[in-house]
Amino acid sequence: MRSRNADNGGTTILCSGFCICLGRPRSFARLEKLRHYIEGILHLMSQDSDSRFGWRLCGILVLGLLIFASLLLPPQLEDMRTGHWEIEHFLAYLMAVPIICLGWPRPFLVAITLIPAAALLEVLQCLRPDHSPNFFAALSSMVGVLVGALVAALIILVLEQIFSRRTNDDRRAEPSHTGEA
């Protein structure tokens, strides 16, 4: 008995309780999900999108988390970390910059703003007796900001290329109204 499978466009053969699926492999379904995810990100990053406010709010929350982790984290939670504070500072800023750039899609302007902020947060740790400022921690934070800005710039560039290619394909598919009969 054969039946058309609507999920993946293939043909499913039911034979004595076993199901054999012919057609598109599972990886194609994952690629479709990835394509829909990228289209959603493209829509969210478009200039006419109302959701930029939401991404900016997420960026502000990420900045708040960075400030909390730098200045207000209790010593008990600091002991639970990995012990490699250089890597932790680097990864924190590396992950924060692309999130912030979804709201403010100018990665190098974000980097120019976050580099002094990272240094300032490290200097402000001298105000707490249980925290100690460290030059290498500030340096690893700044490197994380720069690498994060490069990653965000690359992501924005690739997404803009995909978006412009998609809009050009949509324009070609529309019939032209030149008045010729």
N, C-alpha and C. Protein backbone atom coordinates (compact mmCIF):
# COMPACT_ATOMS: atom_id res chain seq x y z
N MET A 1 0.85 -1.17 0.00
CA MET A 1 0.00 0.00 0.00
C MET A 1 0.90 1.23 0.00
N ARG A 2 0.64 2.17 -0.89
CA ARG A 2 1.41 3.40 -0.98
C ARG A 2 0.53 4.57 -0.54
N SER A 3 1.16 5.52 0.10
CA SER A 3 0.45 6.75 0.45
C SER A 3 1.42 7.92 0.32
N ARG A 4 0.87 9.05 0.01
CA ARG A 4 1.68 10.25 -0.14
C ARG A 4 1.90 10.86 1.24
N ASN A 5 3.14 11.12 1.59
CA ASN A 5 3.47 11.69 2.88
C ASN A 5 3.55 13.20 2.73
N ALA A 6 2.68 13.91 3.42
CA ALA A 6 2.62 15.37 3.27
C ALA A 6 3.75 16.07 4.02
N ASP A 7 4.37 15.37 4.99
CA ASP A 7 5.39 16.03 5.78
C ASP A 7 6.67 16.30 5.00
N ASN A 8 7.14 15.29 4.26
CA ASN A 8 8.41 15.51 3.60
C ASN A 8 8.35 15.35 2.08
N GLY A 9 7.19 15.23 1.51
CA GLY A 9 7.06 15.17 0.07
C GLY A 9 7.44 13.83 -0.53
N GLY A 10 7.74 12.85 0.28
CA GLY A 10 8.14 11.54 -0.22
C GLY A 10 6.98 10.58 -0.25
N THR A 11 7.26 9.35 -0.63
CA THR A 11 6.25 8.31 -0.66
C THR A 11 6.53 7.33 0.46
N THR A 12 5.50 6.98 1.22
CA THR A 12 5.65 6.04 2.32
C THR A 12 5.01 4.73 1.91
N ILE A 13 5.74 3.65 2.08
CA ILE A 13 5.21 2.33 1.78
C ILE A 13 4.95 1.62 3.10
N LEU A 14 3.70 1.23 3.32
CA LEU A 14 3.33 0.50 4.53
C LEU A 14 3.29 -0.98 4.18
N CYS A 15 4.11 -1.75 4.83
CA CYS A 15 4.17 -3.17 4.53
C CYS A 15 4.26 -3.94 5.84
N SER A 16 3.22 -4.66 6.16
CA SER A 16 3.11 -5.50 7.35
C SER A 16 3.65 -4.83 8.62
N GLY A 17 3.19 -3.63 8.86
CA GLY A 17 3.52 -2.93 10.08
C GLY A 17 4.79 -2.11 10.01
N PHE A 18 5.58 -2.25 8.96
CA PHE A 18 6.80 -1.46 8.83
C PHE A 18 6.55 -0.30 7.88
N CYS A 19 7.23 0.76 8.10
CA CYS A 19 7.06 1.96 7.29
C CYS A 19 8.38 2.26 6.59
N ILE A 20 8.35 2.32 5.28
CA ILE A 20 9.54 2.66 4.50
C ILE A 20 9.25 4.00 3.83
N CYS A 21 10.13 4.96 4.04
CA CYS A 21 9.92 6.29 3.50
C CYS A 21 10.86 6.51 2.33
N LEU A 22 10.30 6.81 1.17
CA LEU A 22 11.08 7.12 -0.01
C LEU A 22 10.90 8.59 -0.32
N GLY A 23 11.88 9.24 -0.81
CA GLY A 23 11.75 10.66 -1.15
C GLY A 23 12.82 11.47 -0.46
N ARG A 24 12.46 12.65 -0.02
CA ARG A 24 13.42 13.57 0.57
C ARG A 24 13.95 13.04 1.90
N PRO A 25 15.24 13.15 2.13
CA PRO A 25 15.78 12.71 3.40
C PRO A 25 15.42 13.67 4.52
N ARG A 26 15.66 13.24 5.74
CA ARG A 26 15.34 14.07 6.90
C ARG A 26 16.13 15.37 6.90
N SER A 27 17.35 15.33 6.38
CA SER A 27 18.17 16.53 6.40
C SER A 27 17.52 17.65 5.58
N PHE A 28 16.74 17.29 4.55
CA PHE A 28 16.05 18.31 3.77
C PHE A 28 15.01 19.02 4.63
N ALA A 29 14.34 18.28 5.49
CA ALA A 29 13.36 18.90 6.39
C ALA A 29 14.07 19.87 7.34
N ARG A 30 15.27 19.50 7.78
CA ARG A 30 16.03 20.41 8.64
C ARG A 30 16.45 21.65 7.88
N LEU A 31 16.82 21.47 6.61
CA LEU A 31 17.18 22.63 5.80
C LEU A 31 15.99 23.55 5.59
N GLU A 32 14.80 22.98 5.43
CA GLU A 32 13.59 23.79 5.30
C GLU A 32 13.34 24.59 6.58
N LYS A 33 13.51 23.95 7.73
CA LYS A 33 13.34 24.65 9.00
C LYS A 33 14.37 25.77 9.13
N LEU A 34 15.61 25.49 8.71
CA LEU A 34 16.65 26.51 8.76
C LEU A 34 16.31 27.67 7.83
N ARG A 35 15.77 27.36 6.64
CA ARG A 35 15.40 28.41 5.70
C ARG A 35 14.30 29.29 6.29
N HIS A 36 13.29 28.68 6.92
CA HIS A 36 12.22 29.46 7.55
C HIS A 36 12.77 30.30 8.70
N TYR A 37 13.73 29.75 9.45
CA TYR A 37 14.34 30.48 10.56
C TYR A 37 15.10 31.69 10.02
N ILE A 38 15.87 31.50 8.95
CA ILE A 38 16.63 32.61 8.36
C ILE A 38 15.69 33.67 7.81
N GLU A 39 14.60 33.24 7.17
CA GLU A 39 13.63 34.21 6.67
C GLU A 39 13.02 35.02 7.81
N GLY A 40 12.79 34.37 8.94
CA GLY A 40 12.28 35.10 10.10
C GLY A 40 13.28 36.13 10.61
N ILE A 41 14.56 35.74 10.65
CA ILE A 41 15.58 36.68 11.09
C ILE A 41 15.69 37.83 10.11
N LEU A 42 15.62 37.54 8.82
CA LEU A 42 15.67 38.60 7.81
C LEU A 42 14.52 39.58 8.00
N HIS A 43 13.34 39.05 8.28
CA HIS A 43 12.19 39.93 8.51
C HIS A 43 12.41 40.79 9.75
N LEU A 44 12.95 40.17 10.80
CA LEU A 44 13.18 40.90 12.04
C LEU A 44 14.25 41.97 11.88
N MET A 45 15.22 41.72 11.00
CA MET A 45 16.31 42.69 10.82
C MET A 45 16.00 43.74 9.78
N SER A 46 14.88 43.60 9.07
CA SER A 46 14.55 44.58 8.05
C SER A 46 14.27 45.93 8.70
N GLN A 47 14.53 47.00 7.99
CA GLN A 47 14.40 48.33 8.55
C GLN A 47 12.96 48.70 8.87
N ASP A 48 12.00 48.13 8.12
CA ASP A 48 10.61 48.50 8.34
C ASP A 48 9.94 47.61 9.39
N SER A 49 10.69 46.78 10.06
CA SER A 49 10.13 45.87 11.03
C SER A 49 9.85 46.58 12.36
N ASP A 50 8.70 46.31 12.93
CA ASP A 50 8.36 46.88 14.23
C ASP A 50 9.02 46.11 15.37
N SER A 51 9.58 44.95 15.08
CA SER A 51 10.16 44.14 16.13
C SER A 51 11.57 44.56 16.51
N ARG A 52 12.12 45.58 15.84
CA ARG A 52 13.45 46.06 16.23
C ARG A 52 13.44 46.53 17.68
N PHE A 53 12.32 47.03 18.14
CA PHE A 53 12.20 47.44 19.55
C PHE A 53 12.44 46.24 20.46
N GLY A 54 11.91 45.09 20.09
CA GLY A 54 12.10 43.89 20.89
C GLY A 54 13.56 43.46 20.93
N TRP A 55 14.25 43.55 19.79
CA TRP A 55 15.67 43.20 19.77
C TRP A 55 16.49 44.21 20.56
N ARG A 56 16.11 45.47 20.50
CA ARG A 56 16.82 46.47 21.30
C ARG A 56 16.61 46.22 22.79
N LEU A 57 15.42 45.81 23.15
CA LEU A 57 15.14 45.47 24.54
C LEU A 57 16.00 44.27 24.96
N CYS A 58 16.13 43.28 24.09
CA CYS A 58 17.00 42.13 24.39
C CYS A 58 18.45 42.59 24.56
N GLY A 59 18.89 43.52 23.72
CA GLY A 59 20.25 44.05 23.84
C GLY A 59 20.47 44.76 25.16
N ILE A 60 19.47 45.51 25.60
CA ILE A 60 19.58 46.20 26.89
C ILE A 60 19.61 45.19 28.03
N LEU A 61 18.82 44.12 27.91
CA LEU A 61 18.84 43.07 28.94
C LEU A 61 20.19 42.37 28.98
N VAL A 62 20.79 42.14 27.81
CA VAL A 62 22.12 41.52 27.77
C VAL A 62 23.14 42.43 28.43
N LEU A 63 23.07 43.74 28.16
CA LEU A 63 23.97 44.67 28.84
C LEU A 63 23.75 44.65 30.35
N GLY A 64 22.50 44.57 30.77
CA GLY A 64 22.21 44.47 32.20
C GLY A 64 22.80 43.21 32.81
N LEU A 65 22.73 42.10 32.09
CA LEU A 65 23.33 40.86 32.58
C LEU A 65 24.85 40.96 32.67
N LEU A 66 25.46 41.64 31.69
CA LEU A 66 26.91 41.83 31.75
C LEU A 66 27.30 42.68 32.96
N ILE A 67 26.53 43.73 33.23
CA ILE A 67 26.81 44.57 34.39
C ILE A 67 26.61 43.79 35.68
N PHE A 68 25.54 43.01 35.74
CA PHE A 68 25.28 42.20 36.94
C PHE A 68 26.40 41.20 37.16
N ALA A 69 26.81 40.51 36.09
CA ALA A 69 27.87 39.50 36.23
C ALA A 69 29.21 40.14 36.58
N SER A 70 29.43 41.35 36.11
CA SER A 70 30.72 42.01 36.40
C SER A 70 30.79 42.59 37.81
N LEU A 71 29.71 43.20 38.25
CA LEU A 71 29.78 43.96 39.49
C LEU A 71 29.01 43.36 40.66
N LEU A 72 27.91 42.70 40.40
CA LEU A 72 27.01 42.32 41.48
C LEU A 72 26.93 40.82 41.74
N LEU A 73 27.69 40.03 41.03
CA LEU A 73 27.63 38.58 41.20
C LEU A 73 28.20 38.19 42.56
N PRO A 74 27.44 37.45 43.37
CA PRO A 74 27.93 37.08 44.70
C PRO A 74 29.15 36.13 44.60
N PRO A 75 30.00 36.16 45.59
CA PRO A 75 31.21 35.31 45.56
C PRO A 75 30.89 33.82 45.48
N GLN A 76 29.75 33.38 46.03
CA GLN A 76 29.40 31.97 45.97
C GLN A 76 29.20 31.52 44.52
N LEU A 77 28.61 32.38 43.70
CA LEU A 77 28.40 32.03 42.30
C LEU A 77 29.68 32.15 41.49
N GLU A 78 30.60 33.00 41.93
CA GLU A 78 31.87 33.11 41.23
C GLU A 78 32.70 31.85 41.40
N ASP A 79 32.57 31.18 42.53
CA ASP A 79 33.32 29.94 42.75
C ASP A 79 32.81 28.80 41.87
N MET A 80 31.56 28.91 41.41
CA MET A 80 30.97 27.84 40.61
C MET A 80 31.36 27.94 39.13
N ARG A 81 32.04 29.00 38.74
CA ARG A 81 32.40 29.18 37.35
C ARG A 81 33.53 28.23 36.97
N THR A 82 33.97 28.33 35.74
CA THR A 82 34.95 27.39 35.20
C THR A 82 36.34 27.58 35.76
N GLY A 83 36.68 28.76 36.24
CA GLY A 83 38.01 29.03 36.73
C GLY A 83 38.90 29.70 35.69
N HIS A 84 38.47 29.71 34.46
CA HIS A 84 39.21 30.37 33.39
C HIS A 84 38.51 31.68 33.07
N TRP A 85 38.81 32.71 33.85
CA TRP A 85 38.08 33.96 33.73
C TRP A 85 38.35 34.67 32.42
N GLU A 86 39.53 34.46 31.82
CA GLU A 86 39.79 35.10 30.53
C GLU A 86 38.83 34.59 29.47
N ILE A 87 38.63 33.29 29.46
CA ILE A 87 37.72 32.68 28.48
C ILE A 87 36.29 33.09 28.77
N GLU A 88 35.94 33.18 30.05
CA GLU A 88 34.58 33.58 30.41
C GLU A 88 34.28 35.01 29.97
N HIS A 89 35.22 35.92 30.17
CA HIS A 89 35.02 37.30 29.73
C HIS A 89 34.91 37.35 28.20
N PHE A 90 35.80 36.65 27.53
CA PHE A 90 35.79 36.63 26.07
C PHE A 90 34.46 36.11 25.54
N LEU A 91 34.00 34.96 26.05
CA LEU A 91 32.75 34.35 25.57
C LEU A 91 31.53 35.19 25.90
N ALA A 92 31.54 35.83 27.06
CA ALA A 92 30.38 36.66 27.45
C ALA A 92 30.20 37.80 26.45
N TYR A 93 31.27 38.49 26.13
CA TYR A 93 31.16 39.61 25.19
C TYR A 93 30.99 39.12 23.76
N LEU A 94 31.59 37.98 23.43
CA LEU A 94 31.43 37.41 22.09
C LEU A 94 29.96 37.08 21.82
N MET A 95 29.26 36.58 22.82
CA MET A 95 27.84 36.25 22.64
C MET A 95 26.94 37.48 22.76
N ALA A 96 27.36 38.47 23.52
CA ALA A 96 26.52 39.65 23.73
C ALA A 96 26.46 40.55 22.51
N VAL A 97 27.57 40.71 21.82
CA VAL A 97 27.63 41.67 20.71
C VAL A 97 26.66 41.32 19.58
N PRO A 98 26.60 40.08 19.09
CA PRO A 98 25.62 39.80 18.02
C PRO A 98 24.17 40.02 18.46
N ILE A 99 23.86 39.74 19.72
CA ILE A 99 22.50 39.96 20.20
C ILE A 99 22.19 41.46 20.20
N ILE A 100 23.15 42.25 20.64
CA ILE A 100 22.95 43.70 20.64
C ILE A 100 22.84 44.21 19.21
N CYS A 101 23.61 43.61 18.30
CA CYS A 101 23.60 44.06 16.90
C CYS A 101 22.30 43.70 16.17
N LEU A 102 21.50 42.82 16.70
CA LEU A 102 20.18 42.58 16.10
C LEU A 102 19.28 43.79 16.30
N GLY A 103 19.49 44.53 17.36
CA GLY A 103 18.71 45.75 17.60
C GLY A 103 19.35 46.97 16.99
N TRP A 104 20.66 47.03 17.04
CA TRP A 104 21.42 48.15 16.45
C TRP A 104 22.39 47.55 15.43
N PRO A 105 21.98 47.43 14.17
CA PRO A 105 22.80 46.68 13.20
C PRO A 105 24.02 47.45 12.69
N ARG A 106 24.76 48.03 13.58
CA ARG A 106 26.03 48.68 13.24
C ARG A 106 27.09 48.12 14.18
N PRO A 107 27.67 46.97 13.81
CA PRO A 107 28.52 46.24 14.75
C PRO A 107 29.74 47.02 15.23
N PHE A 108 30.35 47.81 14.36
CA PHE A 108 31.56 48.50 14.79
C PHE A 108 31.23 49.70 15.68
N LEU A 109 30.08 50.30 15.49
CA LEU A 109 29.64 51.35 16.41
C LEU A 109 29.31 50.74 17.78
N VAL A 110 28.71 49.55 17.76
CA VAL A 110 28.44 48.84 19.02
C VAL A 110 29.77 48.49 19.70
N ALA A 111 30.76 48.07 18.91
CA ALA A 111 32.07 47.71 19.47
C ALA A 111 32.76 48.93 20.07
N ILE A 112 32.67 50.07 19.37
CA ILE A 112 33.30 51.29 19.88
C ILE A 112 32.65 51.71 21.20
N THR A 113 31.38 51.40 21.37
CA THR A 113 30.69 51.72 22.61
C THR A 113 31.00 50.72 23.71
N LEU A 114 31.10 49.44 23.36
CA LEU A 114 31.28 48.40 24.38
C LEU A 114 32.72 48.26 24.87
N ILE A 115 33.69 48.63 24.07
CA ILE A 115 35.08 48.50 24.52
C ILE A 115 35.35 49.36 25.75
N PRO A 116 35.00 50.66 25.73
CA PRO A 116 35.19 51.43 26.98
C PRO A 116 34.29 50.94 28.11
N ALA A 117 33.10 50.45 27.77
CA ALA A 117 32.20 49.93 28.81
C ALA A 117 32.81 48.71 29.48
N ALA A 118 33.44 47.82 28.71
CA ALA A 118 34.08 46.64 29.28
C ALA A 118 35.23 47.05 30.19
N ALA A 119 36.02 48.03 29.75
CA ALA A 119 37.13 48.50 30.59
C ALA A 119 36.59 49.16 31.87
N LEU A 120 35.53 49.96 31.72
CA LEU A 120 34.94 50.63 32.88
C LEU A 120 34.38 49.62 33.88
N LEU A 121 33.72 48.58 33.39
CA LEU A 121 33.18 47.57 34.29
C LEU A 121 34.30 46.86 35.05
N GLU A 122 35.42 46.65 34.39
CA GLU A 122 36.54 46.01 35.07
C GLU A 122 37.15 46.94 36.12
N VAL A 123 37.26 48.22 35.81
CA VAL A 123 37.80 49.19 36.77
C VAL A 123 36.85 49.35 37.97
N LEU A 124 35.56 49.33 37.71
CA LEU A 124 34.59 49.50 38.80
C LEU A 124 34.58 48.33 39.78
N GLN A 125 35.22 47.24 39.41
CA GLN A 125 35.27 46.11 40.34
C GLN A 125 36.14 46.40 41.57
N CYS A 126 36.95 47.44 41.50
CA CYS A 126 37.75 47.79 42.68
C CYS A 126 36.90 48.39 43.79
N LEU A 127 35.65 48.75 43.49
CA LEU A 127 34.75 49.31 44.50
C LEU A 127 34.18 48.23 45.42
N ARG A 128 34.23 46.99 45.00
CA ARG A 128 33.73 45.89 45.83
C ARG A 128 34.90 45.14 46.45
N PRO A 129 34.84 44.85 47.73
CA PRO A 129 35.99 44.17 48.36
C PRO A 129 36.17 42.71 47.90
N ASP A 130 35.08 42.08 47.45
CA ASP A 130 35.20 40.68 47.05
C ASP A 130 35.50 40.51 45.55
N HIS A 131 35.69 41.62 44.83
CA HIS A 131 36.06 41.58 43.42
C HIS A 131 37.41 42.26 43.25
N SER A 132 38.15 41.82 42.28
CA SER A 132 39.44 42.48 42.02
C SER A 132 39.56 42.74 40.52
N PRO A 133 39.87 43.99 40.15
CA PRO A 133 40.03 44.29 38.73
C PRO A 133 41.31 43.66 38.19
N ASN A 134 41.28 43.33 36.91
CA ASN A 134 42.44 42.70 36.30
C ASN A 134 42.57 43.23 34.88
N PHE A 135 43.78 43.61 34.52
CA PHE A 135 44.02 44.15 33.18
C PHE A 135 43.73 43.11 32.10
N PHE A 136 44.13 41.86 32.35
CA PHE A 136 43.93 40.82 31.34
C PHE A 136 42.46 40.44 31.18
N ALA A 137 41.68 40.61 32.25
CA ALA A 137 40.24 40.38 32.13
C ALA A 137 39.61 41.45 31.24
N ALA A 138 40.04 42.70 31.42
CA ALA A 138 39.54 43.78 30.56
C ALA A 138 39.98 43.56 29.12
N LEU A 139 41.22 43.13 28.93
CA LEU A 139 41.74 42.88 27.59
C LEU A 139 40.99 41.74 26.90
N SER A 140 40.70 40.67 27.63
CA SER A 140 39.96 39.56 27.02
C SER A 140 38.52 39.97 26.72
N SER A 141 37.95 40.85 27.54
CA SER A 141 36.61 41.37 27.24
C SER A 141 36.62 42.20 25.97
N MET A 142 37.64 43.03 25.81
CA MET A 142 37.74 43.86 24.62
C MET A 142 37.95 43.03 23.36
N VAL A 143 38.76 41.99 23.46
CA VAL A 143 38.96 41.10 22.31
C VAL A 143 37.65 40.38 21.98
N GLY A 144 36.89 39.98 22.99
CA GLY A 144 35.60 39.36 22.76
C GLY A 144 34.64 40.31 22.05
N VAL A 145 34.70 41.60 22.41
CA VAL A 145 33.85 42.59 21.74
C VAL A 145 34.26 42.71 20.27
N LEU A 146 35.56 42.77 20.00
CA LEU A 146 36.01 42.92 18.62
C LEU A 146 35.67 41.71 17.77
N VAL A 147 35.90 40.52 18.30
CA VAL A 147 35.57 39.31 17.54
C VAL A 147 34.06 39.19 17.36
N GLY A 148 33.30 39.55 18.41
CA GLY A 148 31.84 39.54 18.29
C GLY A 148 31.35 40.52 17.24
N ALA A 149 32.00 41.68 17.15
CA ALA A 149 31.61 42.66 16.13
C ALA A 149 31.92 42.13 14.73
N LEU A 150 33.05 41.46 14.58
CA LEU A 150 33.37 40.87 13.27
C LEU A 150 32.37 39.78 12.90
N VAL A 151 32.02 38.95 13.86
CA VAL A 151 31.03 37.89 13.60
C VAL A 151 29.68 38.51 13.25
N ALA A 152 29.27 39.53 14.00
CA ALA A 152 27.98 40.19 13.72
C ALA A 152 28.00 40.87 12.36
N ALA A 153 29.12 41.50 11.99
CA ALA A 153 29.22 42.14 10.67
C ALA A 153 29.11 41.10 9.57
N LEU A 154 29.76 39.96 9.77
CA LEU A 154 29.68 38.88 8.77
C LEU A 154 28.26 38.33 8.66
N ILE A 155 27.61 38.14 9.79
CA ILE A 155 26.22 37.64 9.77
C ILE A 155 25.31 38.63 9.07
N ILE A 156 25.46 39.92 9.39
CA ILE A 156 24.62 40.94 8.77
C ILE A 156 24.88 41.00 7.27
N LEU A 157 26.14 40.89 6.86
CA LEU A 157 26.47 40.92 5.44
C LEU A 157 25.86 39.75 4.69
N VAL A 158 25.97 38.55 5.26
CA VAL A 158 25.41 37.36 4.62
C VAL A 158 23.89 37.46 4.56
N LEU A 159 23.25 37.90 5.64
CA LEU A 159 21.80 38.00 5.65
C LEU A 159 21.31 39.07 4.68
N GLU A 160 22.05 40.17 4.54
CA GLU A 160 21.66 41.19 3.56
C GLU A 160 21.79 40.66 2.14
N GLN A 161 22.82 39.86 1.87
CA GLN A 161 22.98 39.26 0.54
C GLN A 161 21.82 38.32 0.23
N ILE A 162 21.45 37.51 1.21
CA ILE A 162 20.33 36.59 1.02
C ILE A 162 19.05 37.38 0.82
N PHE A 163 18.85 38.42 1.62
CA PHE A 163 17.64 39.22 1.51
C PHE A 163 17.56 39.93 0.16
N SER A 164 18.68 40.50 -0.31
CA SER A 164 18.65 41.20 -1.60
C SER A 164 18.45 40.22 -2.74
N ARG A 165 19.03 39.04 -2.65
CA ARG A 165 18.82 38.01 -3.68
C ARG A 165 17.36 37.57 -3.71
N ARG A 166 16.77 37.43 -2.52
CA ARG A 166 15.37 37.01 -2.46
C ARG A 166 14.45 38.09 -3.03
N THR A 167 14.75 39.37 -2.74
CA THR A 167 13.90 40.45 -3.28
C THR A 167 14.07 40.56 -4.79
N ASN A 168 15.28 40.36 -5.29
CA ASN A 168 15.48 40.40 -6.74
C ASN A 168 14.74 39.25 -7.42
N ASP A 169 14.73 38.08 -6.81
CA ASP A 169 13.98 36.95 -7.38
C ASP A 169 12.49 37.23 -7.38
N ASP A 170 11.98 37.89 -6.33
CA ASP A 170 10.56 38.24 -6.28
C ASP A 170 10.20 39.25 -7.35
N ARG A 171 11.09 40.20 -7.61
CA ARG A 171 10.82 41.20 -8.64
C ARG A 171 10.82 40.59 -10.03
N ARG A 172 11.70 39.62 -10.26
CA ARG A 172 11.73 38.96 -11.57
C ARG A 172 10.49 38.11 -11.80
N ALA A 173 9.94 37.56 -10.72
CA ALA A 173 8.78 36.69 -10.86
C ALA A 173 7.50 37.45 -11.13
N GLU A 174 7.45 38.75 -10.79
CA GLU A 174 6.25 39.56 -11.02
C GLU A 174 6.13 39.86 -12.52
N PRO A 175 4.90 39.79 -13.04
CA PRO A 175 4.72 40.14 -14.46
C PRO A 175 4.88 41.65 -14.64
N SER A 176 5.49 42.03 -15.76
CA SER A 176 5.70 43.46 -16.00
C SER A 176 4.45 44.05 -16.62
N HIS A 177 4.15 45.26 -16.22
CA HIS A 177 2.97 45.98 -16.72
C HIS A 177 3.44 47.13 -17.60
N THR A 178 3.86 46.82 -18.80
CA THR A 178 4.41 47.85 -19.69
C THR A 178 3.37 48.37 -20.66
N GLY A 179 2.21 47.74 -20.70
CA GLY A 179 1.14 48.20 -21.57
C GLY A 179 1.20 47.56 -22.96
N GLU A 180 2.15 46.61 -23.15
CA GLU A 180 2.22 45.93 -24.45
C GLU A 180 1.13 44.88 -24.51
N ALA A 181 0.54 44.71 -25.68
CA ALA A 181 -0.51 43.71 -25.84
C ALA A 181 -0.19 42.73 -26.92
